[in-house]
Amino acid sequence: MINIIFIISCIPLITIPAAWTALCAFTGKMFLKGYDFTLEDYLAEFKDGFIKKLVLGIMESAVIFYGYYLMSLAGNFKAVSDNTSYVIIMGAGCAIFGIGILFALWTFVLAAHLRLGLSGIIRNAAILLILEWKSDLKLIIYTAIYVFIILALMPYSILVPMIIGNSFYGLISCSIICPVIKRRITDPYEEAGN
C-alpha cells in the first residue's frame, strides 16, 4: 500500500525528493519499530521541509546526471577506437554516478530520521559516506543487484517497482543505514545529554 501511495505522491516530478524521504521515514520506522508509522505520518513527513528536500534532490540529481553524461560520452570515444579515453571517462562516469546514488541514499535517510538543517544533512552524509565504506559497499551491491534484476527481466519486471520494489528498496537501504545513524549519531548524542 505504501508503495502505491509513494508512486502517486511522485506524480509531479518535483515531489519525488519529498516522497522518497517520506518513504525512507516509513520504511525506517518499519525496520526499527514495526508498523507504527501511519498514512498521516507519511503525509506529514512529505510536507515537512519540502524545500530542503527539493534542494537535496536537485543536487543529487545533478551529480547522478553528470555521471550518466560521462558514461554516455565515453561511448563516443569507443566508436572512434580511443580505448584509453573510453576507459578513463567511463571510469570517472561510473564513480560519479555511484557516489551520487550513495550520497542520495545517505542524505534522504538522514533527512527522514534526523531534524537537521540542509548543511547538517549534507555534512553528516558526506562524513558517513567516507567513514562507513562497508555500508557503502552493501548499498552499491544491493543497488546493482536490484537494477540488474529489473533490467534483465524487462518488460515484465516493470511491475516489480510499481507493486513492491520502491518500498522494498527503501526498507533494505534503511536496514543498512539506520543502525549506522544510531551508532554514530543518535547514541553519542543521547549519551552526551545524560
N, C-alpha and C. Protein backbone atom coordinates (compact mmCIF):
# COMPACT_ATOMS: atom_id res chain seq x y z
N MET A 1 0.81 -1.20 0.00
CA MET A 1 0.00 0.00 0.00
C MET A 1 0.86 1.26 0.00
N ILE A 2 1.93 1.26 0.83
CA ILE A 2 2.78 2.45 0.91
C ILE A 2 3.50 2.69 -0.41
N ASN A 3 3.79 1.61 -1.13
CA ASN A 3 4.45 1.75 -2.42
C ASN A 3 3.54 2.47 -3.42
N ILE A 4 2.27 2.15 -3.41
CA ILE A 4 1.31 2.80 -4.31
C ILE A 4 1.15 4.27 -3.93
N ILE A 5 1.09 4.56 -2.63
CA ILE A 5 1.00 5.95 -2.17
C ILE A 5 2.25 6.71 -2.58
N PHE A 6 3.41 6.07 -2.47
CA PHE A 6 4.67 6.69 -2.89
C PHE A 6 4.63 7.05 -4.38
N ILE A 7 4.17 6.11 -5.22
CA ILE A 7 4.11 6.35 -6.66
C ILE A 7 3.15 7.49 -6.97
N ILE A 8 2.00 7.51 -6.30
CA ILE A 8 1.04 8.59 -6.53
C ILE A 8 1.63 9.94 -6.10
N SER A 9 2.35 9.96 -4.99
CA SER A 9 2.91 11.22 -4.50
C SER A 9 4.11 11.68 -5.32
N CYS A 10 4.60 10.86 -6.24
CA CYS A 10 5.70 11.24 -7.14
C CYS A 10 5.21 11.81 -8.47
N ILE A 11 3.90 11.86 -8.68
CA ILE A 11 3.39 12.23 -9.99
C ILE A 11 3.87 13.62 -10.44
N PRO A 12 3.76 14.69 -9.65
CA PRO A 12 4.51 15.88 -10.08
C PRO A 12 5.99 15.63 -9.77
N LEU A 13 6.85 15.69 -10.75
CA LEU A 13 8.25 15.28 -10.57
C LEU A 13 8.96 16.02 -9.45
N ILE A 14 8.58 17.25 -9.17
CA ILE A 14 9.28 17.99 -8.12
C ILE A 14 8.98 17.45 -6.73
N THR A 15 8.02 16.57 -6.61
CA THR A 15 7.70 15.99 -5.30
C THR A 15 8.46 14.70 -5.03
N ILE A 16 9.25 14.22 -5.98
CA ILE A 16 9.97 12.95 -5.78
C ILE A 16 10.88 12.99 -4.56
N PRO A 17 11.71 14.04 -4.33
CA PRO A 17 12.55 14.03 -3.12
C PRO A 17 11.74 13.97 -1.82
N ALA A 18 10.65 14.70 -1.74
CA ALA A 18 9.82 14.66 -0.54
C ALA A 18 9.17 13.29 -0.38
N ALA A 19 8.72 12.70 -1.48
CA ALA A 19 8.10 11.38 -1.43
C ALA A 19 9.11 10.31 -1.02
N TRP A 20 10.34 10.42 -1.55
CA TRP A 20 11.37 9.44 -1.20
C TRP A 20 11.74 9.56 0.27
N THR A 21 11.85 10.79 0.79
CA THR A 21 12.16 10.98 2.21
C THR A 21 11.04 10.41 3.08
N ALA A 22 9.80 10.65 2.69
CA ALA A 22 8.67 10.10 3.45
C ALA A 22 8.69 8.57 3.40
N LEU A 23 9.04 8.00 2.26
CA LEU A 23 9.14 6.54 2.14
C LEU A 23 10.27 6.02 3.03
N CYS A 24 11.41 6.74 3.07
CA CYS A 24 12.51 6.33 3.94
C CYS A 24 12.11 6.42 5.41
N ALA A 25 11.34 7.44 5.76
CA ALA A 25 10.85 7.56 7.14
C ALA A 25 9.93 6.37 7.47
N PHE A 26 9.05 6.03 6.54
CA PHE A 26 8.11 4.93 6.74
C PHE A 26 8.86 3.60 6.88
N THR A 27 9.73 3.30 5.92
CA THR A 27 10.43 2.02 5.94
C THR A 27 11.45 1.95 7.08
N GLY A 28 12.05 3.10 7.43
CA GLY A 28 12.98 3.13 8.56
C GLY A 28 12.27 2.84 9.87
N LYS A 29 11.10 3.44 10.08
CA LYS A 29 10.32 3.16 11.29
C LYS A 29 9.83 1.71 11.29
N MET A 30 9.50 1.21 10.10
CA MET A 30 9.08 -0.18 10.00
C MET A 30 10.23 -1.10 10.40
N PHE A 31 11.44 -0.78 9.97
CA PHE A 31 12.61 -1.58 10.31
C PHE A 31 12.93 -1.47 11.80
N LEU A 32 12.86 -0.25 12.35
CA LEU A 32 13.27 -0.03 13.73
C LEU A 32 12.21 -0.44 14.75
N LYS A 33 10.92 -0.18 14.46
CA LYS A 33 9.88 -0.34 15.48
C LYS A 33 8.71 -1.21 15.06
N GLY A 34 8.61 -1.57 13.82
CA GLY A 34 7.43 -2.29 13.35
C GLY A 34 6.51 -1.35 12.60
N TYR A 35 5.25 -1.63 12.54
CA TYR A 35 4.30 -0.90 11.71
C TYR A 35 3.59 0.23 12.46
N ASP A 36 4.32 1.07 13.17
CA ASP A 36 3.64 2.14 13.90
C ASP A 36 3.63 3.48 13.16
N PHE A 37 3.99 3.48 11.92
CA PHE A 37 4.03 4.70 11.11
C PHE A 37 2.81 4.69 10.21
N THR A 38 1.94 5.69 10.34
CA THR A 38 0.65 5.68 9.64
C THR A 38 0.70 6.53 8.37
N LEU A 39 -0.40 6.51 7.64
CA LEU A 39 -0.52 7.33 6.44
C LEU A 39 -0.44 8.81 6.78
N GLU A 40 -1.01 9.19 7.92
CA GLU A 40 -0.93 10.59 8.35
C GLU A 40 0.52 10.99 8.60
N ASP A 41 1.31 10.07 9.19
CA ASP A 41 2.74 10.33 9.42
C ASP A 41 3.47 10.48 8.09
N TYR A 42 3.11 9.65 7.13
CA TYR A 42 3.73 9.73 5.80
C TYR A 42 3.46 11.10 5.18
N LEU A 43 2.20 11.53 5.22
CA LEU A 43 1.84 12.82 4.64
C LEU A 43 2.49 13.98 5.37
N ALA A 44 2.60 13.88 6.70
CA ALA A 44 3.27 14.93 7.48
C ALA A 44 4.75 15.00 7.11
N GLU A 45 5.38 13.84 6.97
CA GLU A 45 6.80 13.81 6.57
C GLU A 45 6.97 14.33 5.15
N PHE A 46 6.02 14.03 4.29
CA PHE A 46 6.05 14.51 2.91
C PHE A 46 6.04 16.03 2.86
N LYS A 47 5.20 16.65 3.69
CA LYS A 47 5.06 18.11 3.68
C LYS A 47 6.18 18.82 4.43
N ASP A 48 6.73 18.19 5.46
CA ASP A 48 7.71 18.83 6.32
C ASP A 48 9.04 19.04 5.58
N GLY A 49 9.51 20.27 5.54
CA GLY A 49 10.80 20.57 4.92
C GLY A 49 10.84 20.31 3.42
N PHE A 50 9.75 20.59 2.74
CA PHE A 50 9.65 20.29 1.31
C PHE A 50 10.77 20.94 0.50
N ILE A 51 11.05 22.22 0.77
CA ILE A 51 12.09 22.95 0.01
C ILE A 51 13.46 22.34 0.26
N LYS A 52 13.75 22.00 1.51
CA LYS A 52 15.03 21.38 1.85
C LYS A 52 15.22 20.08 1.07
N LYS A 53 14.19 19.27 1.02
CA LYS A 53 14.26 18.00 0.30
C LYS A 53 14.38 18.21 -1.20
N LEU A 54 13.71 19.24 -1.70
CA LEU A 54 13.80 19.56 -3.12
C LEU A 54 15.22 19.97 -3.49
N VAL A 55 15.86 20.79 -2.65
CA VAL A 55 17.25 21.20 -2.89
C VAL A 55 18.18 19.99 -2.88
N LEU A 56 17.98 19.10 -1.89
CA LEU A 56 18.78 17.87 -1.86
C LEU A 56 18.58 17.05 -3.13
N GLY A 57 17.35 16.92 -3.55
CA GLY A 57 17.04 16.14 -4.75
C GLY A 57 17.67 16.74 -6.00
N ILE A 58 17.65 18.06 -6.12
CA ILE A 58 18.25 18.71 -7.29
C ILE A 58 19.77 18.51 -7.29
N MET A 59 20.39 18.67 -6.11
CA MET A 59 21.85 18.49 -6.03
C MET A 59 22.25 17.07 -6.42
N GLU A 60 21.56 16.10 -5.85
CA GLU A 60 21.93 14.71 -6.11
C GLU A 60 21.59 14.29 -7.53
N SER A 61 20.50 14.79 -8.05
CA SER A 61 20.15 14.50 -9.45
C SER A 61 21.19 15.06 -10.40
N ALA A 62 21.73 16.24 -10.08
CA ALA A 62 22.76 16.82 -10.94
C ALA A 62 24.02 15.96 -10.94
N VAL A 63 24.41 15.45 -9.78
CA VAL A 63 25.60 14.59 -9.70
C VAL A 63 25.36 13.29 -10.45
N ILE A 64 24.21 12.67 -10.23
CA ILE A 64 23.89 11.41 -10.91
C ILE A 64 23.81 11.63 -12.43
N PHE A 65 23.17 12.71 -12.85
CA PHE A 65 23.06 13.00 -14.28
C PHE A 65 24.44 13.24 -14.89
N TYR A 66 25.32 13.94 -14.18
CA TYR A 66 26.67 14.19 -14.70
C TYR A 66 27.44 12.88 -14.87
N GLY A 67 27.30 11.97 -13.91
CA GLY A 67 27.93 10.66 -14.05
C GLY A 67 27.39 9.90 -15.25
N TYR A 68 26.08 9.95 -15.43
CA TYR A 68 25.45 9.30 -16.59
C TYR A 68 25.92 9.96 -17.89
N TYR A 69 26.04 11.29 -17.88
CA TYR A 69 26.51 12.01 -19.07
C TYR A 69 27.93 11.57 -19.44
N LEU A 70 28.80 11.44 -18.45
CA LEU A 70 30.17 10.99 -18.73
C LEU A 70 30.19 9.57 -19.29
N MET A 71 29.34 8.70 -18.76
CA MET A 71 29.29 7.33 -19.29
C MET A 71 28.79 7.33 -20.74
N SER A 72 27.82 8.19 -21.04
CA SER A 72 27.33 8.30 -22.42
C SER A 72 28.41 8.87 -23.33
N LEU A 73 29.13 9.86 -22.82
CA LEU A 73 30.20 10.49 -23.59
C LEU A 73 31.32 9.50 -23.91
N ALA A 74 31.57 8.58 -23.00
CA ALA A 74 32.62 7.59 -23.20
C ALA A 74 32.34 6.72 -24.43
N GLY A 75 31.07 6.50 -24.73
CA GLY A 75 30.72 5.71 -25.91
C GLY A 75 31.20 6.33 -27.20
N ASN A 76 31.30 7.65 -27.24
CA ASN A 76 31.81 8.32 -28.45
C ASN A 76 33.28 7.98 -28.69
N PHE A 77 34.05 7.86 -27.62
CA PHE A 77 35.46 7.52 -27.76
C PHE A 77 35.65 6.05 -28.16
N LYS A 78 34.76 5.20 -27.70
CA LYS A 78 34.83 3.79 -28.09
C LYS A 78 34.51 3.65 -29.58
N ALA A 79 33.60 4.49 -30.09
CA ALA A 79 33.23 4.43 -31.50
C ALA A 79 34.40 4.79 -32.41
N VAL A 80 35.31 5.65 -31.94
CA VAL A 80 36.47 6.03 -32.76
C VAL A 80 37.73 5.27 -32.33
N SER A 81 37.55 4.19 -31.56
CA SER A 81 38.62 3.28 -31.14
C SER A 81 39.69 3.96 -30.28
N ASP A 82 39.28 4.91 -29.45
CA ASP A 82 40.20 5.53 -28.50
C ASP A 82 39.92 4.89 -27.13
N ASN A 83 40.52 3.70 -26.92
CA ASN A 83 40.21 2.92 -25.73
C ASN A 83 40.68 3.57 -24.43
N THR A 84 41.80 4.29 -24.47
CA THR A 84 42.31 4.92 -23.25
C THR A 84 41.33 5.97 -22.74
N SER A 85 40.89 6.85 -23.63
CA SER A 85 39.92 7.88 -23.24
C SER A 85 38.61 7.25 -22.80
N TYR A 86 38.20 6.19 -23.49
CA TYR A 86 36.97 5.48 -23.13
C TYR A 86 37.04 4.97 -21.69
N VAL A 87 38.13 4.30 -21.35
CA VAL A 87 38.27 3.72 -20.01
C VAL A 87 38.29 4.81 -18.94
N ILE A 88 39.04 5.89 -19.19
CA ILE A 88 39.15 6.97 -18.20
C ILE A 88 37.80 7.65 -18.00
N ILE A 89 37.13 8.00 -19.08
CA ILE A 89 35.86 8.72 -18.97
C ILE A 89 34.76 7.80 -18.43
N MET A 90 34.74 6.55 -18.86
CA MET A 90 33.75 5.61 -18.35
C MET A 90 33.97 5.36 -16.87
N GLY A 91 35.22 5.21 -16.46
CA GLY A 91 35.52 5.01 -15.04
C GLY A 91 35.10 6.20 -14.19
N ALA A 92 35.40 7.40 -14.67
CA ALA A 92 35.01 8.61 -13.95
C ALA A 92 33.49 8.72 -13.88
N GLY A 93 32.82 8.42 -14.98
CA GLY A 93 31.37 8.47 -15.01
C GLY A 93 30.74 7.48 -14.04
N CYS A 94 31.25 6.25 -14.02
CA CYS A 94 30.72 5.24 -13.10
C CYS A 94 30.95 5.64 -11.65
N ALA A 95 32.14 6.19 -11.36
CA ALA A 95 32.45 6.61 -10.00
C ALA A 95 31.53 7.75 -9.56
N ILE A 96 31.36 8.75 -10.40
CA ILE A 96 30.50 9.88 -10.06
C ILE A 96 29.04 9.43 -9.93
N PHE A 97 28.60 8.58 -10.82
CA PHE A 97 27.24 8.04 -10.76
C PHE A 97 27.02 7.28 -9.46
N GLY A 98 27.96 6.41 -9.10
CA GLY A 98 27.85 5.63 -7.87
C GLY A 98 27.87 6.50 -6.63
N ILE A 99 28.75 7.49 -6.60
CA ILE A 99 28.82 8.41 -5.45
C ILE A 99 27.51 9.19 -5.34
N GLY A 100 26.94 9.60 -6.48
CA GLY A 100 25.67 10.31 -6.46
C GLY A 100 24.55 9.46 -5.88
N ILE A 101 24.49 8.18 -6.26
CA ILE A 101 23.48 7.28 -5.73
C ILE A 101 23.67 7.09 -4.23
N LEU A 102 24.91 6.83 -3.80
CA LEU A 102 25.18 6.63 -2.38
C LEU A 102 24.85 7.88 -1.57
N PHE A 103 25.27 9.04 -2.07
CA PHE A 103 25.02 10.29 -1.35
C PHE A 103 23.52 10.54 -1.23
N ALA A 104 22.78 10.22 -2.28
CA ALA A 104 21.32 10.37 -2.23
C ALA A 104 20.71 9.46 -1.17
N LEU A 105 21.16 8.21 -1.12
CA LEU A 105 20.63 7.29 -0.11
C LEU A 105 20.92 7.79 1.30
N TRP A 106 22.17 8.21 1.56
CA TRP A 106 22.53 8.71 2.89
C TRP A 106 21.73 9.96 3.25
N THR A 107 21.66 10.92 2.34
CA THR A 107 21.00 12.18 2.69
C THR A 107 19.50 12.01 2.92
N PHE A 108 18.85 11.21 2.11
CA PHE A 108 17.40 11.08 2.28
C PHE A 108 17.04 10.28 3.53
N VAL A 109 17.84 9.28 3.88
CA VAL A 109 17.57 8.57 5.13
C VAL A 109 17.88 9.47 6.33
N LEU A 110 18.96 10.24 6.25
CA LEU A 110 19.26 11.20 7.32
C LEU A 110 18.15 12.24 7.45
N ALA A 111 17.68 12.76 6.32
CA ALA A 111 16.60 13.76 6.34
C ALA A 111 15.32 13.18 6.92
N ALA A 112 15.10 11.89 6.72
CA ALA A 112 13.89 11.25 7.23
C ALA A 112 13.94 10.99 8.73
N HIS A 113 15.14 10.79 9.28
CA HIS A 113 15.25 10.36 10.67
C HIS A 113 15.84 11.39 11.62
N LEU A 114 16.44 12.44 11.10
CA LEU A 114 17.03 13.47 11.95
C LEU A 114 16.49 14.83 11.55
N ARG A 115 16.23 15.66 12.50
CA ARG A 115 15.75 17.02 12.22
C ARG A 115 16.94 17.96 12.16
N LEU A 116 17.67 17.90 11.06
CA LEU A 116 18.83 18.75 10.84
C LEU A 116 18.53 19.71 9.69
N GLY A 117 19.28 20.79 9.66
CA GLY A 117 19.19 21.71 8.53
C GLY A 117 19.88 21.11 7.31
N LEU A 118 19.79 21.81 6.21
CA LEU A 118 20.37 21.34 4.95
C LEU A 118 21.87 21.09 5.07
N SER A 119 22.59 22.04 5.64
CA SER A 119 24.05 21.88 5.76
C SER A 119 24.40 20.73 6.69
N GLY A 120 23.61 20.53 7.76
CA GLY A 120 23.86 19.42 8.68
C GLY A 120 23.66 18.07 8.02
N ILE A 121 22.63 17.97 7.20
CA ILE A 121 22.39 16.71 6.49
C ILE A 121 23.51 16.43 5.50
N ILE A 122 23.90 17.44 4.73
CA ILE A 122 24.96 17.26 3.73
C ILE A 122 26.28 16.89 4.40
N ARG A 123 26.62 17.61 5.46
CA ARG A 123 27.89 17.36 6.16
C ARG A 123 27.92 15.95 6.76
N ASN A 124 26.84 15.56 7.46
CA ASN A 124 26.80 14.23 8.06
C ASN A 124 26.79 13.13 7.01
N ALA A 125 26.06 13.35 5.93
CA ALA A 125 26.03 12.35 4.85
C ALA A 125 27.41 12.18 4.23
N ALA A 126 28.12 13.29 4.01
CA ALA A 126 29.47 13.20 3.43
C ALA A 126 30.42 12.47 4.38
N ILE A 127 30.34 12.77 5.67
CA ILE A 127 31.21 12.10 6.65
C ILE A 127 30.91 10.61 6.70
N LEU A 128 29.62 10.25 6.80
CA LEU A 128 29.25 8.84 6.86
C LEU A 128 29.57 8.11 5.57
N LEU A 129 29.44 8.81 4.44
CA LEU A 129 29.78 8.21 3.15
C LEU A 129 31.25 7.80 3.11
N ILE A 130 32.10 8.61 3.72
CA ILE A 130 33.54 8.32 3.74
C ILE A 130 33.87 7.27 4.80
N LEU A 131 33.34 7.43 6.02
CA LEU A 131 33.69 6.54 7.13
C LEU A 131 33.08 5.15 7.02
N GLU A 132 31.88 5.07 6.52
CA GLU A 132 31.15 3.80 6.51
C GLU A 132 31.27 3.11 5.15
N TRP A 133 32.48 2.76 4.77
CA TRP A 133 32.70 2.18 3.44
C TRP A 133 32.08 0.78 3.33
N LYS A 134 31.99 0.05 4.44
CA LYS A 134 31.36 -1.27 4.38
C LYS A 134 29.86 -1.14 4.07
N SER A 135 29.23 -0.15 4.70
CA SER A 135 27.81 0.09 4.42
C SER A 135 27.63 0.57 2.98
N ASP A 136 28.56 1.41 2.51
CA ASP A 136 28.52 1.87 1.12
C ASP A 136 28.61 0.69 0.16
N LEU A 137 29.50 -0.24 0.47
CA LEU A 137 29.67 -1.41 -0.39
C LEU A 137 28.39 -2.25 -0.42
N LYS A 138 27.76 -2.43 0.74
CA LYS A 138 26.49 -3.17 0.79
C LYS A 138 25.42 -2.47 -0.05
N LEU A 139 25.34 -1.14 0.08
CA LEU A 139 24.35 -0.38 -0.67
C LEU A 139 24.58 -0.48 -2.18
N ILE A 140 25.84 -0.39 -2.60
CA ILE A 140 26.16 -0.49 -4.03
C ILE A 140 25.83 -1.88 -4.57
N ILE A 141 26.19 -2.91 -3.82
CA ILE A 141 25.93 -4.29 -4.26
C ILE A 141 24.41 -4.52 -4.36
N TYR A 142 23.68 -4.08 -3.35
CA TYR A 142 22.23 -4.26 -3.37
C TYR A 142 21.60 -3.49 -4.52
N THR A 143 22.04 -2.25 -4.72
CA THR A 143 21.50 -1.44 -5.82
C THR A 143 21.81 -2.08 -7.16
N ALA A 144 23.04 -2.57 -7.34
CA ALA A 144 23.42 -3.21 -8.60
C ALA A 144 22.58 -4.46 -8.86
N ILE A 145 22.36 -5.26 -7.83
CA ILE A 145 21.53 -6.47 -7.99
C ILE A 145 20.10 -6.09 -8.34
N TYR A 146 19.57 -5.10 -7.65
CA TYR A 146 18.19 -4.65 -7.90
C TYR A 146 18.04 -4.16 -9.34
N VAL A 147 18.95 -3.30 -9.77
CA VAL A 147 18.88 -2.75 -11.14
C VAL A 147 19.08 -3.86 -12.17
N PHE A 148 20.00 -4.79 -11.91
CA PHE A 148 20.24 -5.90 -12.84
C PHE A 148 18.98 -6.75 -13.01
N ILE A 149 18.32 -7.06 -11.90
CA ILE A 149 17.10 -7.88 -11.98
C ILE A 149 16.01 -7.15 -12.76
N ILE A 150 15.86 -5.85 -12.49
CA ILE A 150 14.84 -5.07 -13.21
C ILE A 150 15.15 -5.05 -14.71
N LEU A 151 16.41 -4.78 -15.07
CA LEU A 151 16.77 -4.68 -16.49
C LEU A 151 16.76 -6.04 -17.18
N ALA A 152 17.17 -7.10 -16.48
CA ALA A 152 17.25 -8.42 -17.09
C ALA A 152 15.88 -8.99 -17.40
N LEU A 153 14.90 -8.63 -16.60
CA LEU A 153 13.56 -9.21 -16.78
C LEU A 153 12.57 -8.25 -17.44
N MET A 154 13.07 -7.18 -18.05
CA MET A 154 12.20 -6.24 -18.75
C MET A 154 11.46 -6.95 -19.86
N PRO A 155 10.28 -6.65 -20.24
CA PRO A 155 9.37 -5.63 -19.71
C PRO A 155 8.54 -6.12 -18.53
N TYR A 156 8.65 -7.42 -18.19
CA TYR A 156 7.82 -7.97 -17.13
C TYR A 156 8.17 -7.38 -15.77
N SER A 157 9.42 -7.02 -15.58
CA SER A 157 9.87 -6.54 -14.27
C SER A 157 9.40 -5.12 -13.98
N ILE A 158 8.80 -4.44 -14.93
CA ILE A 158 8.33 -3.08 -14.68
C ILE A 158 7.25 -3.07 -13.59
N LEU A 159 6.56 -4.18 -13.41
CA LEU A 159 5.54 -4.27 -12.37
C LEU A 159 6.16 -4.35 -10.97
N VAL A 160 7.39 -4.85 -10.87
CA VAL A 160 8.02 -5.03 -9.55
C VAL A 160 8.18 -3.69 -8.83
N PRO A 161 8.79 -2.64 -9.45
CA PRO A 161 8.86 -1.37 -8.72
C PRO A 161 7.50 -0.77 -8.43
N MET A 162 6.55 -1.03 -9.31
CA MET A 162 5.22 -0.45 -9.12
C MET A 162 4.48 -1.10 -7.96
N ILE A 163 4.68 -2.40 -7.76
CA ILE A 163 3.93 -3.10 -6.72
C ILE A 163 4.67 -3.10 -5.38
N ILE A 164 5.96 -3.43 -5.40
CA ILE A 164 6.68 -3.57 -4.13
C ILE A 164 8.09 -3.00 -4.17
N GLY A 165 8.65 -2.81 -5.34
CA GLY A 165 10.08 -2.52 -5.47
C GLY A 165 10.59 -1.30 -4.74
N ASN A 166 9.91 -0.17 -4.83
CA ASN A 166 10.42 1.04 -4.20
C ASN A 166 10.44 0.92 -2.69
N SER A 167 9.36 0.42 -2.11
CA SER A 167 9.32 0.29 -0.66
C SER A 167 10.30 -0.79 -0.18
N PHE A 168 10.46 -1.86 -0.94
CA PHE A 168 11.42 -2.90 -0.56
C PHE A 168 12.84 -2.35 -0.65
N TYR A 169 13.13 -1.58 -1.70
CA TYR A 169 14.45 -0.95 -1.84
C TYR A 169 14.70 0.02 -0.68
N GLY A 170 13.68 0.80 -0.32
CA GLY A 170 13.81 1.71 0.81
C GLY A 170 14.02 0.97 2.12
N LEU A 171 13.33 -0.15 2.30
CA LEU A 171 13.48 -0.95 3.53
C LEU A 171 14.88 -1.51 3.65
N ILE A 172 15.41 -2.06 2.57
CA ILE A 172 16.77 -2.60 2.61
C ILE A 172 17.78 -1.48 2.85
N SER A 173 17.61 -0.34 2.19
CA SER A 173 18.51 0.80 2.39
C SER A 173 18.48 1.27 3.84
N CYS A 174 17.28 1.38 4.39
CA CYS A 174 17.16 1.81 5.79
C CYS A 174 17.73 0.77 6.75
N SER A 175 17.61 -0.51 6.41
CA SER A 175 18.16 -1.54 7.29
C SER A 175 19.69 -1.48 7.31
N ILE A 176 20.30 -0.92 6.29
CA ILE A 176 21.76 -0.75 6.26
C ILE A 176 22.16 0.57 6.92
N ILE A 177 21.40 1.64 6.68
CA ILE A 177 21.80 2.98 7.12
C ILE A 177 21.34 3.30 8.54
N CYS A 178 20.15 2.88 8.94
CA CYS A 178 19.62 3.25 10.27
C CYS A 178 20.50 2.79 11.43
N PRO A 179 21.05 1.56 11.41
CA PRO A 179 21.95 1.19 12.51
C PRO A 179 23.20 2.07 12.57
N VAL A 180 23.68 2.52 11.42
CA VAL A 180 24.84 3.42 11.39
C VAL A 180 24.47 4.76 12.02
N ILE A 181 23.30 5.30 11.66
CA ILE A 181 22.85 6.56 12.24
C ILE A 181 22.72 6.43 13.76
N LYS A 182 22.16 5.31 14.19
CA LYS A 182 22.00 5.09 15.64
C LYS A 182 23.37 5.01 16.32
N ARG A 183 24.28 4.25 15.76
CA ARG A 183 25.60 4.05 16.37
C ARG A 183 26.46 5.31 16.33
N ARG A 184 26.41 6.03 15.20
CA ARG A 184 27.32 7.17 15.00
C ARG A 184 26.75 8.51 15.45
N ILE A 185 25.42 8.67 15.43
CA ILE A 185 24.85 10.00 15.69
C ILE A 185 23.93 10.00 16.91
N THR A 186 22.87 9.21 16.91
CA THR A 186 21.86 9.35 17.97
C THR A 186 22.35 8.83 19.33
N ASP A 187 23.01 7.66 19.36
CA ASP A 187 23.51 7.15 20.64
C ASP A 187 24.54 8.08 21.27
N PRO A 188 25.57 8.56 20.54
CA PRO A 188 26.51 9.52 21.15
C PRO A 188 25.83 10.81 21.61
N TYR A 189 24.82 11.27 20.86
CA TYR A 189 24.10 12.49 21.24
C TYR A 189 23.33 12.29 22.55
N GLU A 190 22.67 11.12 22.67
CA GLU A 190 21.94 10.82 23.89
C GLU A 190 22.87 10.62 25.08
N GLU A 191 24.02 9.99 24.86
CA GLU A 191 25.00 9.80 25.94
C GLU A 191 25.58 11.14 26.40
N ALA A 192 25.79 12.04 25.46
CA ALA A 192 26.32 13.37 25.82
C ALA A 192 25.30 14.17 26.60
N GLY A 193 24.00 13.93 26.36
CA GLY A 193 22.94 14.64 27.07
C GLY A 193 22.73 14.15 28.48
N ASN A 194 23.18 12.90 28.76
CA ASN A 194 22.98 12.33 30.12
C ASN A 194 24.05 12.74 31.07
